Amino acid sequence: MNIQILNKYGFNFIKKIDGTKVISNTPTSYIASYISAYNAPELIQEYIDDIDLCLSGQYDLIDDTTKSTDLIYAKLYADGLYFDDTEMLPLYDLRELLSSWKEFLEEN
């Protein structure tokens, strides 16, 4: 897990008593809410693979660059993830947040 990136965005991963895994500030952070919507490790890995294509200059090989959730519109571009075409999350940060979340979800 990339603790530095998690701290930068104020992420804390929590496992509730019932076994549910959440990001602590999901209600107050659109980025935490967005990341937590991806709760299947295999989907997260596909997303990470798309980010890796961007980072290696192969953006045009991505089949679907729309990365919206039920509540948040987001689109992946060669330089980052844009929310509602205005706010941008850098690719490296996005990759590290998703990787850390995936790692946490895969823990017992």
N, C-alpha and C. Protein backbone atom coordinates (compact mmCIF):
# COMPACT_ATOMS: atom_id res chain seq x y z
N MET A 1 0.83 -1.18 0.00
CA MET A 1 0.00 0.00 0.00
C MET A 1 0.87 1.24 0.00
N ASN A 2 0.42 2.22 -0.72
CA ASN A 2 1.17 3.46 -0.80
C ASN A 2 0.61 4.43 0.26
N ILE A 3 1.19 4.40 1.44
CA ILE A 3 0.72 5.20 2.57
C ILE A 3 0.80 6.69 2.27
N GLN A 4 1.84 7.11 1.56
CA GLN A 4 2.01 8.53 1.23
C GLN A 4 0.83 9.04 0.40
N ILE A 5 0.43 8.30 -0.62
CA ILE A 5 -0.70 8.71 -1.47
C ILE A 5 -2.01 8.64 -0.66
N LEU A 6 -2.17 7.58 0.13
CA LEU A 6 -3.37 7.47 0.96
C LEU A 6 -3.50 8.67 1.89
N ASN A 7 -2.40 9.07 2.51
CA ASN A 7 -2.41 10.24 3.39
C ASN A 7 -2.70 11.53 2.63
N LYS A 8 -2.15 11.64 1.43
CA LYS A 8 -2.36 12.83 0.61
C LYS A 8 -3.85 13.08 0.37
N TYR A 9 -4.62 12.01 0.19
CA TYR A 9 -6.05 12.13 -0.08
C TYR A 9 -6.91 11.86 1.15
N GLY A 10 -6.29 11.64 2.29
CA GLY A 10 -7.02 11.42 3.52
C GLY A 10 -7.76 10.10 3.58
N PHE A 11 -7.24 9.09 2.89
CA PHE A 11 -7.89 7.77 2.86
C PHE A 11 -7.47 6.93 4.06
N ASN A 12 -8.43 6.32 4.70
CA ASN A 12 -8.21 5.29 5.71
C ASN A 12 -9.13 4.14 5.36
N PHE A 13 -8.58 2.97 5.24
CA PHE A 13 -9.38 1.80 4.93
C PHE A 13 -9.84 1.16 6.24
N ILE A 14 -11.12 0.82 6.28
CA ILE A 14 -11.71 0.28 7.49
C ILE A 14 -12.47 -1.00 7.17
N LYS A 15 -12.30 -1.98 8.04
CA LYS A 15 -13.09 -3.21 7.95
C LYS A 15 -14.09 -3.17 9.09
N LYS A 16 -15.38 -3.08 8.74
CA LYS A 16 -16.42 -3.00 9.76
C LYS A 16 -16.62 -4.36 10.43
N ILE A 17 -17.34 -4.34 11.53
CA ILE A 17 -17.61 -5.56 12.30
C ILE A 17 -18.28 -6.62 11.44
N ASP A 18 -19.15 -6.19 10.52
CA ASP A 18 -19.86 -7.15 9.66
C ASP A 18 -19.00 -7.65 8.49
N GLY A 19 -17.73 -7.18 8.42
CA GLY A 19 -16.82 -7.61 7.36
C GLY A 19 -16.78 -6.70 6.16
N THR A 20 -17.68 -5.74 6.09
CA THR A 20 -17.71 -4.78 4.99
C THR A 20 -16.46 -3.91 5.02
N LYS A 21 -15.88 -3.68 3.86
CA LYS A 21 -14.69 -2.84 3.77
C LYS A 21 -15.05 -1.52 3.11
N VAL A 22 -14.63 -0.42 3.74
CA VAL A 22 -14.97 0.92 3.27
C VAL A 22 -13.76 1.84 3.37
N ILE A 23 -13.88 2.97 2.70
CA ILE A 23 -12.91 4.06 2.84
C ILE A 23 -13.54 5.05 3.80
N SER A 24 -12.82 5.47 4.82
CA SER A 24 -13.39 6.23 5.94
C SER A 24 -14.10 7.52 5.54
N ASN A 25 -13.58 8.27 4.59
CA ASN A 25 -14.19 9.56 4.29
C ASN A 25 -15.05 9.54 3.02
N THR A 26 -15.60 8.40 2.69
CA THR A 26 -16.41 8.28 1.48
C THR A 26 -17.55 9.29 1.43
N PRO A 27 -18.27 9.55 2.54
CA PRO A 27 -19.38 10.50 2.45
C PRO A 27 -18.95 11.94 2.16
N THR A 28 -17.72 12.31 2.49
CA THR A 28 -17.30 13.70 2.32
C THR A 28 -16.32 13.92 1.18
N SER A 29 -15.85 12.88 0.55
CA SER A 29 -14.86 13.01 -0.51
C SER A 29 -15.35 12.32 -1.78
N TYR A 30 -15.48 13.09 -2.87
CA TYR A 30 -15.93 12.48 -4.12
C TYR A 30 -14.90 11.49 -4.64
N ILE A 31 -13.61 11.71 -4.36
CA ILE A 31 -12.59 10.77 -4.83
C ILE A 31 -12.71 9.45 -4.06
N ALA A 32 -12.90 9.53 -2.74
CA ALA A 32 -13.08 8.32 -1.95
C ALA A 32 -14.36 7.60 -2.37
N SER A 33 -15.40 8.35 -2.59
CA SER A 33 -16.66 7.76 -3.04
C SER A 33 -16.48 7.07 -4.38
N TYR A 34 -15.77 7.71 -5.27
CA TYR A 34 -15.50 7.16 -6.60
C TYR A 34 -14.69 5.86 -6.51
N ILE A 35 -13.58 5.90 -5.80
CA ILE A 35 -12.70 4.73 -5.67
C ILE A 35 -13.45 3.57 -5.02
N SER A 36 -14.23 3.85 -3.98
CA SER A 36 -14.92 2.79 -3.26
C SER A 36 -16.02 2.13 -4.09
N ALA A 37 -16.48 2.79 -5.14
CA ALA A 37 -17.49 2.19 -6.01
C ALA A 37 -16.92 0.99 -6.78
N TYR A 38 -15.61 0.96 -6.93
CA TYR A 38 -14.93 -0.18 -7.56
C TYR A 38 -14.60 -1.16 -6.44
N ASN A 39 -15.42 -2.16 -6.24
CA ASN A 39 -15.24 -3.06 -5.10
C ASN A 39 -14.96 -4.50 -5.50
N ALA A 40 -14.68 -4.73 -6.78
CA ALA A 40 -14.31 -6.07 -7.24
C ALA A 40 -12.86 -6.03 -7.72
N PRO A 41 -11.97 -6.79 -7.08
CA PRO A 41 -10.55 -6.75 -7.45
C PRO A 41 -10.28 -6.95 -8.94
N GLU A 42 -11.04 -7.81 -9.61
CA GLU A 42 -10.79 -8.04 -11.04
C GLU A 42 -11.14 -6.81 -11.88
N LEU A 43 -12.18 -6.06 -11.49
CA LEU A 43 -12.51 -4.82 -12.20
C LEU A 43 -11.46 -3.74 -11.94
N ILE A 44 -10.98 -3.70 -10.71
CA ILE A 44 -9.93 -2.74 -10.37
C ILE A 44 -8.68 -3.05 -11.19
N GLN A 45 -8.35 -4.32 -11.35
CA GLN A 45 -7.16 -4.69 -12.13
C GLN A 45 -7.32 -4.27 -13.59
N GLU A 46 -8.49 -4.44 -14.16
CA GLU A 46 -8.73 -4.00 -15.54
C GLU A 46 -8.53 -2.49 -15.65
N TYR A 47 -9.00 -1.75 -14.66
CA TYR A 47 -8.84 -0.30 -14.63
C TYR A 47 -7.35 0.05 -14.54
N ILE A 48 -6.63 -0.62 -13.66
CA ILE A 48 -5.18 -0.39 -13.52
C ILE A 48 -4.46 -0.68 -14.84
N ASP A 49 -4.88 -1.73 -15.53
CA ASP A 49 -4.28 -2.06 -16.83
C ASP A 49 -4.49 -0.91 -17.82
N ASP A 50 -5.67 -0.28 -17.79
CA ASP A 50 -5.93 0.87 -18.67
C ASP A 50 -5.04 2.05 -18.29
N ILE A 51 -4.86 2.27 -17.00
CA ILE A 51 -3.98 3.35 -16.55
C ILE A 51 -2.55 3.09 -17.01
N ASP A 52 -2.11 1.83 -16.92
CA ASP A 52 -0.77 1.48 -17.37
C ASP A 52 -0.59 1.76 -18.86
N LEU A 53 -1.65 1.52 -19.65
CA LEU A 53 -1.58 1.87 -21.08
C LEU A 53 -1.38 3.37 -21.25
N CYS A 54 -2.09 4.16 -20.48
CA CYS A 54 -1.93 5.62 -20.54
C CYS A 54 -0.50 6.02 -20.17
N LEU A 55 -0.01 5.46 -19.09
CA LEU A 55 1.33 5.81 -18.61
C LEU A 55 2.43 5.40 -19.59
N SER A 56 2.16 4.39 -20.41
CA SER A 56 3.15 3.95 -21.38
C SER A 56 2.94 4.58 -22.77
N GLY A 57 2.04 5.57 -22.84
CA GLY A 57 1.82 6.28 -24.10
C GLY A 57 0.94 5.53 -25.08
N GLN A 58 0.16 4.58 -24.60
CA GLN A 58 -0.70 3.78 -25.49
C GLN A 58 -2.18 4.03 -25.20
N TYR A 59 -2.53 5.26 -24.95
CA TYR A 59 -3.90 5.65 -24.63
C TYR A 59 -4.90 5.16 -25.67
N ASP A 60 -4.50 5.19 -26.93
CA ASP A 60 -5.41 4.81 -28.02
C ASP A 60 -5.78 3.33 -28.00
N LEU A 61 -5.12 2.51 -27.19
CA LEU A 61 -5.45 1.09 -27.09
C LEU A 61 -6.55 0.78 -26.07
N ILE A 62 -6.99 1.80 -25.34
CA ILE A 62 -8.03 1.60 -24.33
C ILE A 62 -9.39 1.53 -25.03
N ASP A 63 -10.12 0.45 -24.75
CA ASP A 63 -11.43 0.25 -25.39
C ASP A 63 -12.47 1.27 -24.94
N ASP A 64 -12.57 1.50 -23.64
CA ASP A 64 -13.59 2.40 -23.11
C ASP A 64 -12.95 3.32 -22.08
N THR A 65 -12.89 4.60 -22.40
CA THR A 65 -12.25 5.56 -21.50
C THR A 65 -13.23 6.19 -20.52
N THR A 66 -14.51 5.92 -20.68
CA THR A 66 -15.49 6.40 -19.71
C THR A 66 -15.41 5.50 -18.49
N LYS A 67 -15.13 6.09 -17.35
CA LYS A 67 -14.94 5.34 -16.11
C LYS A 67 -15.90 5.83 -15.03
N SER A 68 -17.13 6.09 -15.43
CA SER A 68 -18.13 6.61 -14.51
C SER A 68 -18.65 5.53 -13.58
N THR A 69 -19.15 5.99 -12.43
CA THR A 69 -19.86 5.11 -11.50
C THR A 69 -21.34 5.50 -11.58
N ASP A 70 -22.15 4.91 -10.75
CA ASP A 70 -23.57 5.25 -10.75
C ASP A 70 -23.81 6.72 -10.44
N LEU A 71 -22.96 7.31 -9.62
CA LEU A 71 -23.18 8.68 -9.17
C LEU A 71 -22.18 9.71 -9.68
N ILE A 72 -21.05 9.27 -10.19
CA ILE A 72 -19.98 10.20 -10.56
C ILE A 72 -19.55 9.96 -12.00
N TYR A 73 -19.61 11.04 -12.82
CA TYR A 73 -19.14 10.95 -14.20
C TYR A 73 -17.62 11.15 -14.20
N ALA A 74 -16.91 10.24 -14.85
CA ALA A 74 -15.45 10.35 -14.95
C ALA A 74 -14.99 9.78 -16.28
N LYS A 75 -13.94 10.40 -16.82
CA LYS A 75 -13.39 9.95 -18.09
C LYS A 75 -11.87 9.95 -17.99
N LEU A 76 -11.28 8.88 -18.47
CA LEU A 76 -9.83 8.71 -18.46
C LEU A 76 -9.24 9.34 -19.71
N TYR A 77 -8.25 10.19 -19.52
CA TYR A 77 -7.50 10.80 -20.61
C TYR A 77 -6.03 10.43 -20.44
N ALA A 78 -5.23 10.78 -21.41
CA ALA A 78 -3.81 10.42 -21.39
C ALA A 78 -3.05 11.04 -20.22
N ASP A 79 -3.59 12.13 -19.64
CA ASP A 79 -2.88 12.80 -18.55
C ASP A 79 -3.54 12.64 -17.19
N GLY A 80 -4.73 12.02 -17.13
CA GLY A 80 -5.38 11.85 -15.84
C GLY A 80 -6.84 11.49 -15.97
N LEU A 81 -7.48 11.36 -14.84
CA LEU A 81 -8.90 11.08 -14.77
C LEU A 81 -9.62 12.39 -14.49
N TYR A 82 -10.57 12.72 -15.33
CA TYR A 82 -11.32 13.96 -15.18
C TYR A 82 -12.72 13.65 -14.68
N PHE A 83 -13.13 14.39 -13.64
CA PHE A 83 -14.47 14.29 -13.11
C PHE A 83 -15.29 15.44 -13.68
N ASP A 84 -16.39 15.12 -14.33
CA ASP A 84 -17.25 16.13 -14.95
C ASP A 84 -16.45 17.07 -15.86
N ASP A 85 -15.39 16.54 -16.47
CA ASP A 85 -14.54 17.28 -17.41
C ASP A 85 -13.87 18.51 -16.80
N THR A 86 -13.82 18.60 -15.46
CA THR A 86 -13.18 19.77 -14.85
C THR A 86 -12.09 19.38 -13.85
N GLU A 87 -12.41 18.61 -12.84
CA GLU A 87 -11.44 18.21 -11.82
C GLU A 87 -10.63 17.04 -12.33
N MET A 88 -9.31 17.09 -12.11
CA MET A 88 -8.44 16.04 -12.63
C MET A 88 -7.67 15.37 -11.50
N LEU A 89 -7.60 14.04 -11.58
CA LEU A 89 -6.79 13.23 -10.67
C LEU A 89 -5.64 12.68 -11.50
N PRO A 90 -4.39 12.98 -11.13
CA PRO A 90 -3.24 12.49 -11.90
C PRO A 90 -3.23 10.97 -12.00
N LEU A 91 -2.74 10.46 -13.12
CA LEU A 91 -2.72 9.01 -13.36
C LEU A 91 -1.97 8.24 -12.29
N TYR A 92 -0.81 8.73 -11.90
CA TYR A 92 -0.02 8.01 -10.89
C TYR A 92 -0.81 7.90 -9.58
N ASP A 93 -1.42 9.00 -9.14
CA ASP A 93 -2.19 8.98 -7.90
C ASP A 93 -3.37 8.02 -8.02
N LEU A 94 -4.08 8.08 -9.15
CA LEU A 94 -5.20 7.19 -9.38
C LEU A 94 -4.76 5.73 -9.32
N ARG A 95 -3.66 5.44 -9.98
CA ARG A 95 -3.15 4.06 -9.99
C ARG A 95 -2.82 3.58 -8.58
N GLU A 96 -2.17 4.43 -7.81
CA GLU A 96 -1.78 4.06 -6.44
C GLU A 96 -3.00 3.92 -5.53
N LEU A 97 -3.98 4.78 -5.68
CA LEU A 97 -5.20 4.67 -4.87
C LEU A 97 -5.94 3.37 -5.19
N LEU A 98 -6.09 3.08 -6.48
CA LEU A 98 -6.77 1.85 -6.89
C LEU A 98 -5.99 0.60 -6.45
N SER A 99 -4.68 0.63 -6.61
CA SER A 99 -3.85 -0.52 -6.21
C SER A 99 -3.95 -0.77 -4.70
N SER A 100 -3.90 0.30 -3.93
CA SER A 100 -4.00 0.16 -2.47
C SER A 100 -5.37 -0.36 -2.07
N TRP A 101 -6.42 0.15 -2.69
CA TRP A 101 -7.78 -0.31 -2.40
C TRP A 101 -7.94 -1.78 -2.77
N LYS A 102 -7.41 -2.17 -3.92
CA LYS A 102 -7.47 -3.57 -4.35
C LYS A 102 -6.75 -4.46 -3.35
N GLU A 103 -5.58 -4.04 -2.92
CA GLU A 103 -4.80 -4.81 -1.94
C GLU A 103 -5.60 -4.98 -0.65
N PHE A 104 -6.24 -3.91 -0.19
CA PHE A 104 -7.03 -3.98 1.02
C PHE A 104 -8.23 -4.92 0.85
N LEU A 105 -8.88 -4.85 -0.29
CA LEU A 105 -10.04 -5.72 -0.54
C LEU A 105 -9.65 -7.19 -0.57
N GLU A 106 -8.45 -7.48 -1.02
CA GLU A 106 -7.99 -8.86 -1.15
C GLU A 106 -7.48 -9.45 0.17
N GLU A 107 -7.25 -8.60 1.18
CA GLU A 107 -6.81 -9.08 2.49
C GLU A 107 -7.97 -9.81 3.16
N ASN A 108 -7.63 -10.80 3.98
CA ASN A 108 -8.68 -11.55 4.71
C ASN A 108 -9.27 -10.77 5.85
